[in-house]
Amino acid sequence: MKENWDKAFRLMLVSEGGYVYHPSDPGGMTNLGVTKATWENWVGRESNEAEMRGLTPEKVEQMYKKKYWDAVRGDELTAGLDYLMFDFSVNAGAGRAIKTLQTAVGVTPDGGFGPITMAAVQAVDPVELIERFSQAKEDFYRSLTTFPTFGKGWLNRVATVKQHATLMVT
């Protein structure tokens, strides 16, 4: 829902946190959930640590809207599911989020969010879909080689996002 963008954006920023540069994180230097590579792609030039540390919600908001919210059709999804999809898109990529949604609604997971996927999404109770999607997210995270390092945080995020998303529906 268009009306949920601001809330979804604020909640996602809480999950992502501030500046980190963990040696085991394949994303490398990250601030507000934005990797250095993603930021460089967005601004069309190289960046440095000072710029990455200086990112603010205001500087990254339009990038998040375009690359993640719009990519998963956030404006068209029901309350709760929009946030759930956006948050996972940020954390795992829009293609992965869409494929996970497609699996949860029983359509071929091709990463394209067309009319077949949308019809399947609309046919499932939103709370049930949030449950299925959250379980699929957990399964995905557990399959990653970096799960021993980051798994506890990812599972906490799954639970927190699921709780907020469910409250948005009810």
Protein backbone atom coordinates (compact mmCIF):
# COMPACT_ATOMS: atom_id res chain seq x y z
CA MET A 1 0.00 0.00 0.00
CA LYS A 2 1.26 3.45 -0.84
CA GLU A 3 0.21 4.56 2.63
CA ASN A 4 2.64 2.10 4.25
CA TRP A 5 5.84 3.28 2.56
CA ASP A 6 6.98 5.63 5.35
CA LYS A 7 6.28 3.10 8.09
CA ALA A 8 7.91 0.23 6.17
CA PHE A 9 10.97 2.38 5.46
CA ARG A 10 11.36 3.38 9.12
CA LEU A 11 10.95 -0.20 10.35
CA MET A 12 13.46 -1.51 7.81
CA LEU A 13 16.03 1.07 8.93
CA VAL A 14 15.66 -0.16 12.52
CA SER A 15 16.40 -3.71 11.32
CA GLU A 16 19.38 -2.62 9.25
CA GLY A 17 21.00 -0.37 11.83
CA GLY A 18 23.98 1.90 11.24
CA TYR A 19 27.47 1.60 9.85
CA VAL A 20 29.11 -1.84 9.86
CA TYR A 21 32.09 -3.37 8.12
CA HIS A 22 32.16 -7.01 9.23
CA PRO A 23 34.96 -9.10 7.68
CA SER A 24 32.62 -12.08 7.17
CA ASP A 25 29.88 -10.08 5.47
CA PRO A 26 30.07 -10.49 1.68
CA GLY A 27 28.32 -7.11 1.38
CA GLY A 28 31.35 -5.36 2.83
CA MET A 29 31.07 -1.79 4.04
CA THR A 30 27.41 -1.06 4.82
CA ASN A 31 25.41 1.76 6.37
CA LEU A 32 21.64 1.83 6.91
CA GLY A 33 21.59 -1.46 5.03
CA VAL A 34 23.18 0.05 1.92
CA THR A 35 26.33 -1.71 0.76
CA LYS A 36 29.13 0.29 -0.76
CA ALA A 37 28.60 -1.42 -4.13
CA THR A 38 24.87 -0.67 -4.08
CA TRP A 39 25.50 2.97 -3.20
CA GLU A 40 28.13 3.34 -5.92
CA ASN A 41 25.74 1.84 -8.44
CA TRP A 42 23.00 4.24 -7.33
CA VAL A 43 25.15 7.40 -7.46
CA GLY A 44 27.12 6.31 -10.52
CA ARG A 45 30.59 6.78 -9.07
CA GLU A 46 33.03 5.39 -6.52
CA SER A 47 32.45 6.05 -2.85
CA ASN A 48 34.66 5.96 0.24
CA GLU A 49 34.35 5.18 3.92
CA ALA A 50 33.60 8.80 4.89
CA GLU A 51 30.71 8.99 2.45
CA MET A 52 29.38 5.61 3.56
CA ARG A 53 29.53 6.64 7.21
CA GLY A 54 27.72 9.87 6.28
CA LEU A 55 24.67 8.24 4.72
CA THR A 56 21.40 9.38 6.26
CA PRO A 57 17.82 8.13 5.89
CA GLU A 58 17.10 11.17 3.72
CA LYS A 59 19.98 10.36 1.37
CA VAL A 60 19.02 6.70 0.90
CA GLU A 61 15.21 6.90 0.90
CA GLN A 62 14.68 7.35 -2.85
CA MET A 63 17.13 4.55 -3.61
CA TYR A 64 15.22 2.20 -1.32
CA LYS A 65 11.88 3.22 -2.81
CA LYS A 66 12.98 2.66 -6.38
CA LYS A 67 15.28 -0.37 -6.07
CA TYR A 68 13.40 -2.37 -3.44
CA TRP A 69 9.84 -1.17 -2.70
CA ASP A 70 8.88 -0.51 -6.31
CA ALA A 71 10.67 -3.67 -7.47
CA VAL A 72 8.35 -5.82 -5.32
CA ARG A 73 5.25 -3.76 -6.17
CA GLY A 74 4.91 -2.48 -2.62
CA ASP A 75 2.26 0.09 -3.55
CA GLU A 76 0.00 -2.70 -4.84
CA LEU A 77 0.35 -5.18 -1.97
CA THR A 78 -1.85 -5.37 1.09
CA ALA A 79 -0.72 -3.84 4.36
CA GLY A 80 1.77 -6.09 6.09
CA LEU A 81 2.72 -8.03 2.99
CA ASP A 82 4.12 -4.84 1.48
CA TYR A 83 6.47 -4.38 4.44
CA LEU A 84 7.38 -8.08 4.54
CA MET A 85 8.33 -8.08 0.85
CA PHE A 86 10.20 -4.78 1.04
CA ASP A 87 12.23 -5.83 4.06
CA PHE A 88 13.28 -9.14 2.52
CA SER A 89 14.02 -7.43 -0.78
CA VAL A 90 16.45 -5.13 1.03
CA ASN A 91 18.10 -8.02 2.84
CA ALA A 92 18.21 -10.63 0.06
CA GLY A 93 17.39 -8.82 -3.20
CA ALA A 94 14.13 -8.16 -5.02
CA GLY A 95 14.46 -11.28 -7.17
CA ARG A 96 14.88 -13.54 -4.13
CA ALA A 97 11.94 -11.84 -2.38
CA ILE A 98 9.68 -12.36 -5.39
CA LYS A 99 10.74 -16.01 -5.82
CA THR A 100 10.10 -16.62 -2.12
CA LEU A 101 6.64 -15.06 -2.45
CA GLN A 102 5.93 -17.16 -5.53
CA THR A 103 6.89 -20.33 -3.68
CA ALA A 104 4.70 -19.32 -0.74
CA VAL A 105 1.65 -18.89 -3.02
CA GLY A 106 2.33 -21.98 -5.14
CA VAL A 107 3.33 -20.50 -8.50
CA THR A 108 6.49 -21.12 -10.50
CA PRO A 109 9.31 -19.17 -8.81
CA ASP A 110 10.69 -17.30 -11.82
CA GLY A 111 11.34 -13.93 -10.14
CA GLY A 112 8.87 -12.08 -12.36
CA PHE A 113 6.02 -10.40 -10.51
CA GLY A 114 3.27 -10.47 -13.11
CA PRO A 115 -0.50 -11.00 -13.11
CA ILE A 116 -0.32 -14.73 -12.26
CA THR A 117 1.72 -14.06 -9.14
CA MET A 118 -0.48 -11.12 -8.12
CA ALA A 119 -3.66 -13.18 -8.54
CA ALA A 120 -2.17 -15.98 -6.45
CA VAL A 121 -1.12 -13.47 -3.75
CA GLN A 122 -4.62 -11.99 -3.63
CA ALA A 123 -6.17 -15.45 -3.28
CA VAL A 124 -4.34 -16.25 -0.02
CA ASP A 125 -5.27 -14.93 3.40
CA PRO A 126 -2.66 -12.25 4.21
CA VAL A 127 -1.88 -13.57 7.69
CA GLU A 128 -1.41 -17.09 6.33
CA LEU A 129 0.82 -15.73 3.57
CA ILE A 130 2.94 -13.82 6.08
CA GLU A 131 3.37 -17.08 8.00
CA ARG A 132 4.38 -19.08 4.90
CA PHE A 133 6.68 -16.36 3.62
CA SER A 134 8.38 -15.97 7.00
CA GLN A 135 9.03 -19.71 7.20
CA ALA A 136 10.50 -19.65 3.69
CA LYS A 137 12.76 -16.73 4.69
CA GLU A 138 13.98 -18.69 7.70
CA ASP A 139 14.68 -21.73 5.51
CA PHE A 140 16.62 -19.54 3.07
CA TYR A 141 18.78 -18.00 5.80
CA ARG A 142 19.53 -21.42 7.30
CA SER A 143 20.80 -22.57 3.88
CA LEU A 144 23.47 -19.87 3.70
CA THR A 145 27.10 -20.60 4.54
CA THR A 146 27.20 -17.41 6.64
CA PHE A 147 24.34 -18.61 8.85
CA PRO A 148 26.65 -19.58 11.75
CA THR A 149 27.91 -15.99 11.88
CA PHE A 150 24.76 -14.01 11.14
CA GLY A 151 21.95 -16.51 11.72
CA LYS A 152 20.84 -15.34 15.15
CA GLY A 153 20.35 -11.79 13.85
CA TRP A 154 18.54 -12.97 10.73
CA LEU A 155 16.16 -15.16 12.72
CA ASN A 156 15.47 -12.29 15.11
CA ARG A 157 14.72 -10.11 12.10
CA VAL A 158 12.37 -12.74 10.63
CA ALA A 159 10.42 -12.84 13.90
CA THR A 160 10.31 -9.06 14.33
CA VAL A 161 9.27 -8.38 10.73
CA LYS A 162 6.65 -11.12 10.88
CA GLN A 163 5.19 -9.61 14.06
CA HIS A 164 5.03 -6.07 12.61
CA ALA A 165 3.63 -7.33 9.29
CA THR A 166 0.91 -9.33 11.02
CA LEU A 167 -0.08 -6.33 13.14
CA MET A 168 -0.38 -4.23 9.96
CA VAL A 169 -2.95 -6.71 8.60
CA THR A 170 -5.09 -7.03 11.71
